[in-house]
Amino acid sequence: MAEVTEEDQNTKEALIALINKIHQDYEIWYARISKRNFRIWYGLQLGSLLCGFLTSYAAF
């Protein structure tokens, strides 16, 4: 098995740090976007429910 040089170790550590940074940033982005999508979906669902009630009231 080949020996791991100091340069290879630094590259490996740098790669691990980059992967961790991307992972953390992605989790924050994903949580924010998920909350926003849920709020938009919830608002649209309430709006469609309200439109149904208003339509039935107007038809009455």
N, C-alpha and C. Protein backbone atom coordinates (compact mmCIF):
# COMPACT_ATOMS: atom_id res chain seq x y z
N MET A 1 0.84 -1.17 0.00
CA MET A 1 0.00 0.00 0.00
C MET A 1 0.89 1.24 0.00
N ALA A 2 0.51 2.24 -0.77
CA ALA A 2 1.33 3.45 -0.90
C ALA A 2 1.23 4.29 0.37
N GLU A 3 2.34 4.96 0.67
CA GLU A 3 2.35 5.84 1.83
C GLU A 3 1.61 7.14 1.52
N VAL A 4 0.97 7.69 2.53
CA VAL A 4 0.25 8.95 2.37
C VAL A 4 1.20 10.07 2.74
N THR A 5 1.45 10.96 1.80
CA THR A 5 2.35 12.08 2.06
C THR A 5 1.59 13.20 2.76
N GLU A 6 2.35 14.18 3.25
CA GLU A 6 1.74 15.32 3.94
C GLU A 6 0.86 16.11 2.98
N GLU A 7 1.29 16.24 1.74
CA GLU A 7 0.50 16.97 0.75
C GLU A 7 -0.84 16.27 0.50
N ASP A 8 -0.82 14.94 0.40
CA ASP A 8 -2.05 14.18 0.22
C ASP A 8 -2.97 14.36 1.42
N GLN A 9 -2.40 14.37 2.62
CA GLN A 9 -3.19 14.53 3.83
C GLN A 9 -3.86 15.91 3.85
N ASN A 10 -3.12 16.94 3.46
CA ASN A 10 -3.69 18.28 3.42
C ASN A 10 -4.82 18.35 2.39
N THR A 11 -4.63 17.71 1.28
CA THR A 11 -5.66 17.68 0.26
C THR A 11 -6.90 16.95 0.77
N LYS A 12 -6.69 15.86 1.47
CA LYS A 12 -7.81 15.10 2.02
C LYS A 12 -8.55 15.93 3.07
N GLU A 13 -7.81 16.60 3.94
CA GLU A 13 -8.44 17.45 4.95
C GLU A 13 -9.19 18.61 4.31
N ALA A 14 -8.62 19.19 3.27
CA ALA A 14 -9.28 20.28 2.57
C ALA A 14 -10.57 19.79 1.92
N LEU A 15 -10.52 18.61 1.35
CA LEU A 15 -11.71 18.04 0.71
C LEU A 15 -12.79 17.77 1.74
N ILE A 16 -12.41 17.23 2.89
CA ILE A 16 -13.38 16.95 3.95
C ILE A 16 -14.00 18.25 4.45
N ALA A 17 -13.18 19.29 4.62
CA ALA A 17 -13.69 20.59 5.06
C ALA A 17 -14.66 21.16 4.03
N LEU A 18 -14.33 21.03 2.77
CA LEU A 18 -15.22 21.52 1.71
C LEU A 18 -16.54 20.77 1.71
N ILE A 19 -16.48 19.48 1.84
CA ILE A 19 -17.71 18.66 1.86
C ILE A 19 -18.57 19.03 3.06
N ASN A 20 -17.96 19.23 4.22
CA ASN A 20 -18.72 19.62 5.41
C ASN A 20 -19.36 20.99 5.23
N LYS A 21 -18.64 21.93 4.63
CA LYS A 21 -19.18 23.28 4.41
C LYS A 21 -20.37 23.23 3.45
N ILE A 22 -20.22 22.50 2.37
CA ILE A 22 -21.31 22.38 1.41
C ILE A 22 -22.52 21.71 2.05
N HIS A 23 -22.27 20.68 2.84
CA HIS A 23 -23.35 19.95 3.51
C HIS A 23 -24.11 20.87 4.46
N GLN A 24 -23.40 21.66 5.24
CA GLN A 24 -24.06 22.57 6.17
C GLN A 24 -24.84 23.65 5.43
N ASP A 25 -24.24 24.23 4.40
CA ASP A 25 -24.93 25.25 3.62
C ASP A 25 -26.18 24.68 2.95
N TYR A 26 -26.09 23.47 2.43
CA TYR A 26 -27.23 22.86 1.76
C TYR A 26 -28.35 22.59 2.75
N GLU A 27 -28.02 22.14 3.95
CA GLU A 27 -29.06 21.88 4.95
C GLU A 27 -29.80 23.15 5.31
N ILE A 28 -29.07 24.25 5.49
CA ILE A 28 -29.70 25.53 5.81
C ILE A 28 -30.59 25.97 4.66
N TRP A 29 -30.10 25.87 3.43
CA TRP A 29 -30.88 26.26 2.27
C TRP A 29 -32.13 25.39 2.15
N TYR A 30 -31.97 24.10 2.33
CA TYR A 30 -33.09 23.17 2.17
C TYR A 30 -34.16 23.43 3.21
N ALA A 31 -33.77 23.68 4.44
CA ALA A 31 -34.75 23.96 5.50
C ALA A 31 -35.51 25.25 5.19
N ARG A 32 -34.80 26.27 4.74
CA ARG A 32 -35.45 27.55 4.42
C ARG A 32 -36.43 27.40 3.26
N ILE A 33 -36.02 26.73 2.22
CA ILE A 33 -36.88 26.55 1.05
C ILE A 33 -38.08 25.67 1.38
N SER A 34 -37.88 24.65 2.20
CA SER A 34 -38.99 23.77 2.59
C SER A 34 -40.04 24.54 3.36
N LYS A 35 -39.61 25.39 4.29
CA LYS A 35 -40.56 26.20 5.06
C LYS A 35 -41.32 27.15 4.15
N ARG A 36 -40.61 27.77 3.22
CA ARG A 36 -41.26 28.71 2.29
C ARG A 36 -42.28 27.99 1.41
N ASN A 37 -41.91 26.83 0.90
CA ASN A 37 -42.84 26.07 0.06
C ASN A 37 -44.07 25.64 0.85
N PHE A 38 -43.88 25.24 2.10
CA PHE A 38 -45.03 24.85 2.93
C PHE A 38 -45.94 26.03 3.17
N ARG A 39 -45.39 27.20 3.45
CA ARG A 39 -46.22 28.39 3.68
C ARG A 39 -47.01 28.76 2.43
N ILE A 40 -46.36 28.71 1.28
CA ILE A 40 -47.06 29.02 0.02
C ILE A 40 -48.16 28.00 -0.23
N TRP A 41 -47.84 26.72 -0.07
CA TRP A 41 -48.84 25.66 -0.28
C TRP A 41 -50.00 25.83 0.68
N TYR A 42 -49.72 26.10 1.95
CA TYR A 42 -50.76 26.25 2.96
C TYR A 42 -51.67 27.44 2.63
N GLY A 43 -51.07 28.55 2.22
CA GLY A 43 -51.85 29.73 1.84
C GLY A 43 -52.75 29.46 0.64
N LEU A 44 -52.22 28.77 -0.34
CA LEU A 44 -53.02 28.45 -1.52
C LEU A 44 -54.15 27.48 -1.18
N GLN A 45 -53.90 26.53 -0.31
CA GLN A 45 -54.95 25.60 0.10
C GLN A 45 -56.06 26.33 0.85
N LEU A 46 -55.69 27.24 1.74
CA LEU A 46 -56.70 28.01 2.46
C LEU A 46 -57.49 28.90 1.50
N GLY A 47 -56.79 29.48 0.52
CA GLY A 47 -57.48 30.31 -0.47
C GLY A 47 -58.47 29.51 -1.29
N SER A 48 -58.11 28.33 -1.69
CA SER A 48 -59.03 27.51 -2.49
C SER A 48 -60.21 27.05 -1.64
N LEU A 49 -59.98 26.75 -0.37
CA LEU A 49 -61.07 26.38 0.53
C LEU A 49 -62.03 27.56 0.72
N LEU A 50 -61.46 28.74 0.91
CA LEU A 50 -62.28 29.94 1.07
C LEU A 50 -63.09 30.22 -0.20
N CYS A 51 -62.49 30.05 -1.35
CA CYS A 51 -63.21 30.26 -2.61
C CYS A 51 -64.38 29.28 -2.73
N GLY A 52 -64.20 28.05 -2.31
CA GLY A 52 -65.29 27.08 -2.34
C GLY A 52 -66.44 27.49 -1.43
N PHE A 53 -66.12 27.94 -0.23
CA PHE A 53 -67.16 28.40 0.69
C PHE A 53 -67.89 29.64 0.15
N LEU A 54 -67.14 30.57 -0.39
CA LEU A 54 -67.75 31.79 -0.93
C LEU A 54 -68.63 31.47 -2.14
N THR A 55 -68.21 30.54 -2.97
CA THR A 55 -69.01 30.15 -4.13
C THR A 55 -70.32 29.48 -3.69
N SER A 56 -70.23 28.62 -2.70
CA SER A 56 -71.46 27.96 -2.23
C SER A 56 -72.38 28.97 -1.54
N TYR A 57 -71.83 29.94 -0.86
CA TYR A 57 -72.63 30.96 -0.23
C TYR A 57 -73.32 31.84 -1.28
N ALA A 58 -72.57 32.18 -2.34
CA ALA A 58 -73.14 33.03 -3.40
C ALA A 58 -74.24 32.26 -4.16
N ALA A 59 -74.11 30.95 -4.29
CA ALA A 59 -75.09 30.17 -5.01
C ALA A 59 -76.35 29.94 -4.17
N PHE A 60 -76.22 30.10 -2.88
CA PHE A 60 -77.34 29.88 -1.99
C PHE A 60 -78.28 31.04 -2.12
